[in-house]
Amino acid sequence: MPVVMPEPDGAVLARRAEIVAALKRIVPGEGVIAAEEAMRPYESDGLTAYRQLPMVVVLPATPAQVAAVLAYCHREGVKVVPRGAGTSLSGGALPLGDGVLLGMAKFNRIREIDLDNRVAVVEPGVTNLAISQAVEADGFYYAPDPSSQIACTIGGNMAENSGGVHCLKYGVTTNNVLGCELVLMTGEILRLGGRYLDAAGYDLLGLLTGSEGLLGVITEVTVRLLKKPECARAALIGFASSEDAGACVGRIIGSGIIPGGMEMMDRPAIHAAEEFVHAGYPLDVEALLIVELDGPRAEVDHLLARVEAIARECRALACRASNSEEERLLFWAGRKAAFPAVGRISPDYYCMDGTIPRGKLPLVLRRIGELSGKYGLRVANVFHAGDGNLHPLILYDANKPGELERAEEFGADILRLCVEVGGVLTGEHGVGVEKRDLMPAMFSETDLNQQQRLKCAFDDKSLLNPGKVFPTLHRCAELSHMHVHAGKTAFPDIPRF
């Protein structure tokens, strides 16, 4: 469905010159970008269907500058949109015409590697892959590995609670972040967690991870490092139908085997990836599973044999296991290049993100095929099969009138389907603006108001990334006085703000 953003505040725009001048005093030199053409690279994130020039772009380089910018904007009532690498696929970093775009790209240093405690302390602008590269010589790595890991940053990963192909066994970002430094909208600097696995009190770190830039701006992250397994082998398993492949996923997990990663691709995605990477994928199958086992070599070989046996019982047409580290990495290279590869077979595509119970995979894949016929648009399926995180890629041509709108409606129906079968609207891309207006399909008005009250505890003026996540934005004062029909407060146990 088309996304509608709030109209810019004319009173704020009238003060633009004053605001720009004040920000230049806080972040001198080239830290403030105000010229229209220079701001053009910031008008969109990875959800390129929507574009909006910010009022001004600010590029701080220190936590003190971030704090000063936020404190000024809080005092003056100016909205702020935090931005990392701009790889968000849900419009989480879409600018506001009357807001400051706070770019965190200069926070790109690894501050400390502490192998004794198996942690790394990094700034939010460090790319996901750079963490693993910094410690690979010592036999360690950082587990969450989104397909965009070469470009996406750890701050953005934390904002969206990103996953990756190995999240089935090792968890998503929230399972691998131990601490952070956070700047509130008022300019206050907080530290949450540390170099230990758990902290006393409320799980504020868990609350912050996945909060999509609505609660604060992250300036430092402490991540957990893992020791590389002794052995890892991947298998390519081809099937005559996506339903058979989906059934095999359930059988593998149901047998008690938890692979390091388990990914699925359908025919369009297989062919696109193979032509792009030449990973050795079978081209005569309708669906392909990539199943990776890791651990001690004897265990890996044993479990791989069990997986192959289960696959044959599920009518697999082909099964090929990697016999070297180079071959294993090549198998994954095709999967991780699937999104750009699909760009070779369609002028545009709309990347969806929903999560379903694994047992519903065959049903949902069949229904997606039916929706494809209904809307007259092709779809390529690439997703994290092991944890039910779907990434259907809806193929369309934005130059053809009406195709973008059909793609949006198609995507909305897929997300409604995910909720209908017991799943959720997002797995790792976040809500942003893309799924904002679908939130009532999953949450009641009371649920959404309760979530907004929590936001008010961090951002009392609702200035951080407004227009995202919540379909209806209430002022904090309104939420604190909402009552149910019986005349009692809807949230009797929660302090008023």
Protein backbone atom coordinates (compact mmCIF):
# COMPACT_ATOMS: atom_id res chain seq x y z
CA MET A 1 0.00 0.00 0.00
CA PRO A 2 1.32 3.50 -0.79
CA VAL A 3 3.13 5.14 2.10
CA VAL A 4 1.95 8.56 3.22
CA MET A 5 4.28 10.62 5.41
CA PRO A 6 3.23 13.62 7.55
CA GLU A 7 3.27 17.03 5.91
CA PRO A 8 6.39 19.04 6.85
CA ASP A 9 5.95 21.55 9.67
CA GLY A 10 5.98 24.97 8.03
CA ALA A 11 7.04 26.70 11.25
CA VAL A 12 10.16 24.54 11.44
CA LEU A 13 11.00 25.05 7.76
CA ALA A 14 10.72 28.82 8.23
CA ARG A 15 13.55 28.54 10.76
CA ARG A 16 15.75 26.38 8.51
CA ALA A 17 18.56 28.91 8.14
CA GLU A 18 18.69 29.40 11.90
CA ILE A 19 18.73 25.63 12.51
CA VAL A 20 21.48 25.03 9.94
CA ALA A 21 23.62 27.78 11.48
CA ALA A 22 23.20 26.31 14.95
CA LEU A 23 24.14 22.82 13.75
CA LYS A 24 27.25 24.17 12.03
CA ARG A 25 28.38 25.59 15.35
CA ILE A 26 28.00 22.13 16.93
CA VAL A 27 29.56 20.17 14.04
CA PRO A 28 31.98 22.55 12.28
CA GLY A 29 33.81 22.08 8.99
CA GLU A 30 32.15 19.71 6.55
CA GLY A 31 29.90 18.16 9.17
CA VAL A 32 26.70 19.83 7.96
CA ILE A 33 25.27 19.39 4.44
CA ALA A 34 22.54 21.84 3.47
CA ALA A 35 22.77 22.18 -0.35
CA GLU A 36 20.00 20.33 -2.19
CA GLU A 37 22.21 18.40 -4.61
CA ALA A 38 24.67 17.43 -1.87
CA MET A 39 21.80 16.00 0.19
CA ARG A 40 20.47 13.93 -2.72
CA PRO A 41 22.37 10.72 -1.73
CA TYR A 42 20.46 10.74 1.57
CA GLU A 43 16.95 11.02 0.12
CA SER A 44 16.30 7.28 0.29
CA ASP A 45 17.49 4.08 1.91
CA GLY A 46 17.30 0.55 0.48
CA LEU A 47 13.54 0.93 -0.01
CA THR A 48 14.12 3.09 -3.06
CA ALA A 49 10.45 3.36 -4.04
CA TYR A 50 10.16 6.22 -1.53
CA ARG A 51 12.29 9.36 -1.57
CA GLN A 52 12.33 12.56 0.45
CA LEU A 53 15.04 15.20 0.80
CA PRO A 54 15.87 15.96 4.44
CA MET A 55 15.81 19.52 5.72
CA VAL A 56 19.53 19.21 6.52
CA VAL A 57 22.14 16.45 6.95
CA VAL A 58 24.47 16.38 9.97
CA LEU A 59 27.52 14.09 10.18
CA PRO A 60 28.82 14.08 13.76
CA ALA A 61 32.13 12.43 14.59
CA THR A 62 32.00 12.08 18.39
CA PRO A 63 29.41 11.08 21.01
CA ALA A 64 29.63 14.62 22.41
CA GLN A 65 28.58 16.05 19.05
CA VAL A 66 25.70 13.59 18.79
CA ALA A 67 24.57 14.57 22.28
CA ALA A 68 24.79 18.28 21.48
CA VAL A 69 22.83 17.89 18.22
CA LEU A 70 20.06 15.90 19.93
CA ALA A 71 19.87 18.26 22.89
CA TYR A 72 19.53 21.25 20.52
CA CYS A 73 16.83 19.51 18.45
CA HIS A 74 14.96 18.49 21.61
CA ARG A 75 15.04 22.03 22.92
CA GLU A 76 13.91 23.50 19.57
CA GLY A 77 11.35 20.81 18.70
CA VAL A 78 13.17 19.58 15.57
CA LYS A 79 12.70 16.00 14.35
CA VAL A 80 15.71 13.72 13.88
CA VAL A 81 16.13 10.63 11.68
CA PRO A 82 19.23 8.50 12.50
CA ARG A 83 20.92 6.80 9.53
CA GLY A 84 23.66 4.20 9.24
CA ALA A 85 24.72 2.83 5.85
CA GLY A 86 21.24 3.32 4.39
CA THR A 87 20.76 -0.38 3.55
CA SER A 88 17.40 -0.57 5.37
CA LEU A 89 14.78 -2.30 3.23
CA SER A 90 11.78 -1.03 5.20
CA GLY A 91 12.29 2.72 4.87
CA GLY A 92 13.61 2.99 8.42
CA ALA A 93 16.03 5.76 7.41
CA LEU A 94 13.64 7.61 5.06
CA PRO A 95 14.26 11.33 5.79
CA LEU A 96 11.67 13.92 6.79
CA GLY A 97 11.35 17.20 4.92
CA ASP A 98 11.27 19.09 8.22
CA GLY A 99 13.82 16.96 10.04
CA VAL A 100 17.55 16.55 10.57
CA LEU A 101 19.13 13.47 8.97
CA LEU A 102 21.76 12.32 11.49
CA GLY A 103 24.34 10.30 9.55
CA MET A 104 26.56 8.03 11.66
CA ALA A 105 29.04 7.03 8.94
CA LYS A 106 32.02 8.68 10.69
CA PHE A 107 31.67 6.30 13.64
CA ASN A 108 33.64 3.62 11.81
CA ARG A 109 36.35 2.47 14.23
CA ILE A 110 36.83 -0.81 16.04
CA ARG A 111 37.73 0.53 19.46
CA GLU A 112 38.89 -2.69 21.13
CA ILE A 113 39.16 -6.42 20.57
CA ASP A 114 39.13 -8.36 23.84
CA LEU A 115 39.66 -12.02 23.01
CA ASP A 116 39.98 -13.00 26.68
CA ASN A 117 36.36 -11.99 27.16
CA ARG A 118 35.46 -12.86 23.55
CA VAL A 119 34.05 -9.43 22.74
CA ALA A 120 34.73 -6.56 20.39
CA VAL A 121 33.85 -2.94 21.15
CA VAL A 122 32.94 -1.14 17.94
CA GLU A 123 31.41 2.09 16.73
CA PRO A 124 28.03 1.84 15.00
CA GLY A 125 29.39 2.68 11.54
CA VAL A 126 31.64 -0.42 11.43
CA THR A 127 30.36 -2.84 8.80
CA ASN A 128 29.12 -6.24 9.86
CA LEU A 129 31.75 -8.12 7.86
CA ALA A 130 34.61 -5.93 9.15
CA ILE A 131 34.17 -7.36 12.66
CA SER A 132 34.74 -10.93 11.51
CA GLN A 133 37.63 -9.86 9.28
CA ALA A 134 39.33 -8.14 12.23
CA VAL A 135 39.39 -11.33 14.32
CA GLU A 136 39.55 -14.13 11.74
CA ALA A 137 43.33 -14.51 12.08
CA ASP A 138 42.77 -15.44 15.73
CA GLY A 139 40.10 -17.99 14.86
CA PHE A 140 37.05 -15.94 15.88
CA TYR A 141 34.07 -14.41 14.08
CA TYR A 142 30.86 -12.44 14.62
CA ALA A 143 27.90 -14.75 13.97
CA PRO A 144 25.01 -12.64 12.53
CA ASP A 145 25.69 -12.36 8.80
CA PRO A 146 23.03 -10.53 6.75
CA SER A 147 23.39 -10.85 2.99
CA SER A 148 24.33 -7.16 2.93
CA GLN A 149 27.09 -7.71 5.51
CA ILE A 150 29.74 -6.16 3.27
CA ALA A 151 27.89 -2.82 3.50
CA CYS A 152 25.42 -2.82 6.40
CA THR A 153 26.67 -1.47 9.72
CA ILE A 154 26.45 -2.85 13.23
CA GLY A 155 24.44 0.17 14.39
CA GLY A 156 21.84 -0.48 11.71
CA ASN A 157 21.92 -4.21 12.51
CA MET A 158 21.12 -3.35 16.10
CA ALA A 159 18.35 -0.93 15.14
CA GLU A 160 16.63 -3.58 13.01
CA ASN A 161 17.68 -6.69 14.98
CA SER A 162 19.17 -8.15 11.80
CA GLY A 163 19.66 -11.85 11.26
CA GLY A 164 21.44 -13.67 8.46
CA VAL A 165 21.97 -17.11 7.04
CA HIS A 166 23.45 -18.49 10.29
CA CYS A 167 20.87 -17.06 12.71
CA LEU A 168 19.07 -20.42 13.01
CA LYS A 169 21.80 -21.82 15.27
CA TYR A 170 23.57 -18.70 16.54
CA GLY A 171 20.76 -16.19 16.87
CA VAL A 172 20.03 -12.73 15.53
CA THR A 173 21.64 -9.47 16.64
CA THR A 174 19.93 -9.35 20.03
CA ASN A 175 21.53 -12.70 20.91
CA ASN A 176 25.00 -11.41 20.04
CA VAL A 177 25.08 -7.88 21.47
CA LEU A 178 26.23 -7.49 25.08
CA GLY A 179 26.31 -3.74 25.61
CA CYS A 180 26.03 -0.31 24.03
CA GLU A 181 26.42 3.40 24.53
CA LEU A 182 23.23 5.32 23.77
CA VAL A 183 22.41 9.01 23.42
CA LEU A 184 18.83 9.98 24.31
CA MET A 185 16.88 12.70 22.52
CA THR A 186 17.60 15.01 25.46
CA GLY A 187 21.35 14.62 24.90
CA GLU A 188 21.89 12.34 27.91
CA ILE A 189 24.41 9.53 27.37
CA LEU A 190 23.62 6.09 28.80
CA ARG A 191 25.57 2.84 28.95
CA LEU A 192 23.66 -0.43 28.88
CA GLY A 193 25.13 -3.89 29.49
CA GLY A 194 28.85 -4.56 29.25
CA ARG A 195 31.26 -7.44 28.66
CA TYR A 196 29.14 -10.00 30.44
CA LEU A 197 26.37 -12.26 29.19
CA ASP A 198 23.55 -10.81 31.24
CA ALA A 199 22.78 -7.79 33.41
CA ALA A 200 20.51 -7.27 36.41
CA GLY A 201 17.29 -5.30 36.17
CA TYR A 202 15.11 -4.58 33.18
CA ASP A 203 16.40 -5.79 29.82
CA LEU A 204 16.84 -2.33 28.32
CA LEU A 205 19.44 -3.63 25.90
CA GLY A 206 16.93 -6.13 24.53
CA LEU A 207 14.36 -3.35 24.29
CA LEU A 208 16.74 -1.12 22.37
CA THR A 209 17.73 -3.83 19.87
CA GLY A 210 15.16 -3.71 17.13
CA SER A 211 13.75 -0.33 18.19
CA GLU A 212 14.42 1.16 14.71
CA GLY A 213 15.95 4.45 15.87
CA LEU A 214 12.84 5.49 17.84
CA LEU A 215 14.40 5.41 21.31
CA GLY A 216 17.92 6.78 20.97
CA VAL A 217 21.09 7.00 18.87
CA ILE A 218 23.71 4.29 19.34
CA THR A 219 27.35 5.46 19.51
CA GLU A 220 29.11 2.25 20.64
CA VAL A 221 28.30 -1.47 20.61
CA THR A 222 29.90 -4.40 22.44
CA VAL A 223 29.40 -7.61 20.46
CA ARG A 224 29.99 -11.25 21.30
CA LEU A 225 32.70 -13.10 19.39
CA LEU A 226 32.55 -16.83 18.72
CA LYS A 227 35.31 -19.35 18.08
CA LYS A 228 35.26 -20.72 14.56
CA PRO A 229 34.01 -24.34 14.47
CA GLU A 230 36.51 -27.08 13.71
CA CYS A 231 34.62 -28.09 10.59
CA ALA A 232 31.76 -26.77 8.45
CA ARG A 233 30.22 -28.46 5.40
CA ALA A 234 27.27 -27.38 3.29
CA ALA A 235 24.95 -29.45 1.11
CA LEU A 236 22.98 -28.39 -1.97
CA ILE A 237 19.69 -30.32 -2.06
CA GLY A 238 17.34 -29.93 -5.03
CA PHE A 239 13.61 -30.70 -5.13
CA ALA A 240 10.86 -30.96 -7.73
CA SER A 241 8.68 -28.51 -5.78
CA SER A 242 8.94 -25.81 -3.14
CA GLU A 243 6.42 -27.80 -1.09
CA ASP A 244 8.79 -30.79 -0.92
CA ALA A 245 11.67 -28.52 0.07
CA GLY A 246 9.54 -26.86 2.77
CA ALA A 247 8.51 -30.26 4.13
CA CYS A 248 12.17 -31.30 4.27
CA VAL A 249 13.00 -28.24 6.38
CA GLY A 250 10.44 -29.30 8.97
CA ARG A 251 11.67 -32.90 8.95
CA ILE A 252 15.31 -31.88 9.54
CA ILE A 253 14.47 -29.63 12.50
CA GLY A 254 11.95 -32.14 13.83
CA SER A 255 14.65 -34.83 13.90
CA GLY A 256 16.62 -32.78 16.41
CA ILE A 257 19.25 -31.48 13.97
CA ILE A 258 19.95 -27.73 14.21
CA PRO A 259 22.05 -26.74 11.18
CA GLY A 260 24.36 -23.75 11.29
CA GLY A 261 22.30 -22.40 8.41
CA MET A 262 19.43 -23.58 6.25
CA GLU A 263 18.42 -21.48 3.26
CA MET A 264 15.94 -22.00 0.44
CA MET A 265 15.68 -20.61 -3.10
CA ASP A 266 13.12 -21.29 -5.83
CA ARG A 267 13.75 -21.72 -9.57
CA PRO A 268 13.88 -18.01 -10.57
CA ALA A 269 16.29 -17.23 -7.73
CA ILE A 270 18.42 -20.34 -8.42
CA HIS A 271 18.91 -19.45 -12.08
CA ALA A 272 19.60 -15.77 -11.36
CA ALA A 273 22.18 -16.58 -8.68
CA GLU A 274 23.89 -19.28 -10.77
CA GLU A 275 24.25 -17.00 -13.79
CA PHE A 276 25.68 -14.31 -11.51
CA VAL A 277 28.09 -16.34 -9.33
CA HIS A 278 28.49 -19.77 -10.99
CA ALA A 279 28.23 -21.57 -7.66
CA GLY A 280 27.38 -24.94 -9.20
CA TYR A 281 23.67 -24.89 -8.37
CA PRO A 282 21.49 -27.53 -10.09
CA LEU A 283 19.32 -25.87 -12.74
CA ASP A 284 16.81 -28.69 -13.28
CA VAL A 285 15.07 -28.31 -9.90
CA GLU A 286 12.22 -26.13 -8.70
CA ALA A 287 13.63 -25.50 -5.22
CA LEU A 288 17.06 -25.64 -3.60
CA LEU A 289 18.01 -26.02 0.04
CA ILE A 290 21.46 -25.07 1.31
CA VAL A 291 22.01 -26.88 4.60
CA GLU A 292 25.21 -26.28 6.58
CA LEU A 293 26.41 -28.38 9.53
CA ASP A 294 29.26 -27.24 11.75
CA GLY A 295 31.16 -28.54 14.77
CA PRO A 296 33.63 -31.42 15.30
CA ARG A 297 34.39 -33.16 12.00
CA ALA A 298 32.99 -36.56 13.05
CA GLU A 299 29.75 -34.95 14.17
CA VAL A 300 29.43 -32.91 10.97
CA ASP A 301 29.95 -35.95 8.73
CA HIS A 302 27.42 -37.97 10.75
CA LEU A 303 24.74 -35.25 10.69
CA LEU A 304 25.30 -34.56 7.01
CA ALA A 305 24.59 -38.21 6.24
CA ARG A 306 21.37 -37.98 8.28
CA VAL A 307 20.30 -34.82 6.44
CA GLU A 308 20.90 -36.50 3.08
CA ALA A 309 18.79 -39.49 4.18
CA ILE A 310 15.94 -37.21 5.28
CA ALA A 311 16.17 -35.33 1.97
CA ARG A 312 15.82 -38.56 0.00
CA GLU A 313 12.74 -39.46 2.05
CA CYS A 314 11.33 -36.04 1.04
CA ARG A 315 11.84 -36.88 -2.67
CA ALA A 316 15.03 -34.87 -3.22
CA LEU A 317 16.21 -34.95 -6.84
CA ALA A 318 19.82 -33.98 -6.19
CA CYS A 319 22.18 -33.78 -3.24
CA ARG A 320 25.77 -32.52 -3.28
CA ALA A 321 27.97 -31.81 -0.25
CA SER A 322 30.94 -29.47 -0.16
CA ASN A 323 34.34 -31.16 0.07
CA SER A 324 36.48 -28.10 0.72
CA GLU A 325 36.22 -24.72 2.42
CA GLU A 326 36.40 -23.00 -0.98
CA GLU A 327 33.46 -25.02 -2.25
CA ARG A 328 31.41 -24.30 0.90
CA LEU A 329 32.01 -20.57 0.54
CA LEU A 330 31.04 -20.74 -3.13
CA PHE A 331 27.71 -22.36 -2.21
CA TRP A 332 27.03 -19.45 0.14
CA ALA A 333 28.29 -16.83 -2.31
CA GLY A 334 25.42 -17.68 -4.63
CA ARG A 335 22.86 -17.33 -1.86
CA LYS A 336 24.30 -14.07 -0.55
CA ALA A 337 24.36 -12.62 -4.06
CA ALA A 338 20.75 -13.65 -4.75
CA PHE A 339 19.28 -10.18 -4.20
CA PRO A 340 21.59 -8.35 -6.63
CA ALA A 341 21.40 -11.32 -9.00
CA VAL A 342 17.62 -10.97 -9.27
CA GLY A 343 18.23 -7.42 -10.47
CA ARG A 344 19.53 -9.00 -13.69
CA ILE A 345 16.14 -10.54 -14.50
CA SER A 346 13.85 -7.65 -13.56
CA PRO A 347 14.13 -3.85 -13.80
CA ASP A 348 12.87 -3.55 -10.21
CA TYR A 349 11.98 -5.81 -7.33
CA TYR A 350 10.25 -5.37 -4.01
CA CYS A 351 11.95 -7.34 -1.22
CA MET A 352 9.51 -8.56 1.42
CA ASP A 353 10.26 -9.77 4.95
CA GLY A 354 7.86 -11.83 7.05
CA THR A 355 8.22 -14.80 9.38
CA ILE A 356 6.04 -17.88 9.70
CA PRO A 357 6.04 -21.16 11.67
CA ARG A 358 8.27 -23.62 9.80
CA GLY A 359 5.41 -26.12 9.47
CA LYS A 360 3.45 -23.61 7.40
CA LEU A 361 6.14 -23.29 4.70
CA PRO A 362 4.44 -25.54 2.10
CA LEU A 363 1.07 -23.78 2.57
CA VAL A 364 2.52 -20.27 2.43
CA LEU A 365 4.65 -20.99 -0.64
CA ARG A 366 1.60 -22.35 -2.44
CA ARG A 367 -0.45 -19.28 -1.48
CA ILE A 368 2.33 -16.94 -2.65
CA GLY A 369 2.19 -18.71 -6.02
CA GLU A 370 -1.56 -18.10 -6.18
CA LEU A 371 -1.09 -14.42 -5.30
CA SER A 372 1.52 -14.16 -8.06
CA GLY A 373 -1.15 -15.22 -10.56
CA LYS A 374 -3.71 -12.87 -9.04
CA TYR A 375 -1.48 -9.80 -9.37
CA GLY A 376 0.19 -10.82 -12.63
CA LEU A 377 3.68 -10.34 -11.16
CA ARG A 378 6.49 -12.87 -10.92
CA VAL A 379 8.07 -13.65 -7.56
CA ALA A 380 11.45 -15.14 -6.66
CA ASN A 381 11.66 -16.73 -3.22
CA VAL A 382 14.89 -16.48 -1.22
CA PHE A 383 14.70 -16.95 2.51
CA HIS A 384 16.00 -18.27 5.81
CA ALA A 385 14.07 -21.52 5.75
CA GLY A 386 15.31 -22.77 9.11
CA ASP A 387 13.65 -20.02 11.14
CA GLY A 388 10.78 -19.35 8.74
CA ASN A 389 11.97 -15.88 7.71
CA LEU A 390 10.64 -15.34 4.18
CA HIS A 391 12.11 -12.92 1.64
CA PRO A 392 9.86 -13.07 -1.44
CA LEU A 393 11.18 -10.77 -4.18
CA ILE A 394 8.26 -9.37 -6.16
CA LEU A 395 9.44 -8.52 -9.69
CA TYR A 396 8.00 -5.44 -11.37
CA ASP A 397 8.83 -2.54 -13.68
CA ALA A 398 8.38 0.90 -12.12
CA ASN A 399 8.21 2.42 -15.61
CA LYS A 400 4.94 0.58 -16.30
CA PRO A 401 1.96 2.45 -14.82
CA GLY A 402 0.39 0.66 -11.90
CA GLU A 403 3.03 -2.05 -11.43
CA LEU A 404 4.58 -0.53 -8.30
CA GLU A 405 1.14 -0.21 -6.73
CA ARG A 406 0.34 -3.85 -7.61
CA ALA A 407 3.67 -4.95 -6.15
CA GLU A 408 2.87 -3.09 -2.91
CA GLU A 409 -0.56 -4.71 -2.63
CA PHE A 410 0.94 -8.11 -3.43
CA GLY A 411 3.50 -7.59 -0.67
CA ALA A 412 0.83 -6.48 1.80
CA ASP A 413 -1.15 -9.65 1.10
CA ILE A 414 1.95 -11.78 1.74
CA LEU A 415 2.46 -10.08 5.11
CA ARG A 416 -1.21 -10.51 6.04
CA LEU A 417 -0.82 -14.17 5.12
CA CYS A 418 2.19 -14.47 7.47
CA VAL A 419 0.11 -13.15 10.38
CA GLU A 420 -2.87 -15.31 9.39
CA VAL A 421 -0.85 -18.54 9.71
CA GLY A 422 0.58 -17.55 13.11
CA GLY A 423 3.66 -15.59 12.03
CA VAL A 424 4.74 -11.97 12.25
CA LEU A 425 5.12 -8.97 9.94
CA THR A 426 8.90 -8.87 10.00
CA GLY A 427 11.85 -11.10 10.73
CA GLU A 428 14.84 -8.78 10.41
CA HIS A 429 14.11 -5.82 8.13
CA GLY A 430 11.99 -3.95 10.64
CA VAL A 431 8.66 -2.17 10.24
CA GLY A 432 9.82 1.30 9.14
CA VAL A 433 7.30 2.87 6.78
CA GLU A 434 6.87 -0.24 4.63
CA LYS A 435 4.86 -2.25 7.18
CA ARG A 436 3.70 0.64 9.39
CA ASP A 437 0.11 0.68 8.13
CA LEU A 438 -0.12 -3.11 8.47
CA MET A 439 0.64 -3.07 12.20
CA PRO A 440 -3.11 -3.23 13.11
CA ALA A 441 -3.22 -6.62 11.36
CA MET A 442 -1.05 -7.94 14.17
CA PHE A 443 -1.58 -5.59 17.12
CA SER A 444 -4.69 -4.12 18.73
CA GLU A 445 -5.03 -0.40 19.39
CA THR A 446 -4.26 -1.08 23.05
CA ASP A 447 -1.08 -2.94 22.10
CA LEU A 448 0.10 -0.11 19.86
CA ASN A 449 -0.71 2.57 22.43
CA GLN A 450 1.24 0.63 25.05
CA GLN A 451 4.26 0.47 22.75
CA GLN A 452 4.04 4.22 22.13
CA ARG A 453 3.90 4.89 25.87
CA LEU A 454 7.17 3.04 26.18
CA LYS A 455 8.65 5.23 23.44
CA CYS A 456 7.52 8.27 25.43
CA ALA A 457 9.75 7.18 28.34
CA PHE A 458 12.76 7.67 26.04
CA ASP A 459 11.48 10.42 23.71
CA ASP A 460 8.92 12.62 25.44
CA LYS A 461 8.30 14.85 22.39
CA SER A 462 8.23 12.04 19.78
CA LEU A 463 11.02 13.69 17.79
CA LEU A 464 13.12 10.58 17.03
CA ASN A 465 12.23 8.99 13.69
CA PRO A 466 8.53 9.94 13.77
CA GLY A 467 6.27 8.51 11.07
CA LYS A 468 7.88 5.08 11.36
CA VAL A 469 6.48 1.88 12.94
CA PHE A 470 3.24 3.36 14.36
CA PRO A 471 0.30 3.90 11.95
CA THR A 472 -1.17 6.55 14.26
CA LEU A 473 1.22 8.75 16.22
CA HIS A 474 -0.19 10.08 19.50
CA ARG A 475 1.42 12.79 21.56
CA CYS A 476 2.76 11.51 24.88
CA ALA A 477 0.34 13.74 26.80
CA GLU A 478 -2.59 12.17 24.91
CA LEU A 479 -1.44 8.64 25.72
CA SER A 480 -1.09 9.39 29.42
CA HIS A 481 -4.76 10.42 29.65
CA MET A 482 -6.34 7.67 27.56
CA HIS A 483 -9.05 5.75 29.40
CA VAL A 484 -11.08 2.68 28.64
CA HIS A 485 -14.87 2.87 28.39
CA ALA A 486 -15.29 1.82 32.02
CA GLY A 487 -13.62 5.01 33.14
CA LYS A 488 -10.43 3.33 34.38
CA THR A 489 -7.01 3.97 32.96
CA ALA A 490 -6.07 1.53 30.19
CA PHE A 491 -2.61 1.13 31.75
CA PRO A 492 -3.16 1.29 35.54
CA ASP A 493 0.27 -0.08 36.50
CA ILE A 494 2.36 2.19 34.31
CA PRO A 495 3.52 5.60 35.60
CA ARG A 496 2.16 8.63 33.80
CA PHE A 497 4.60 10.81 31.89
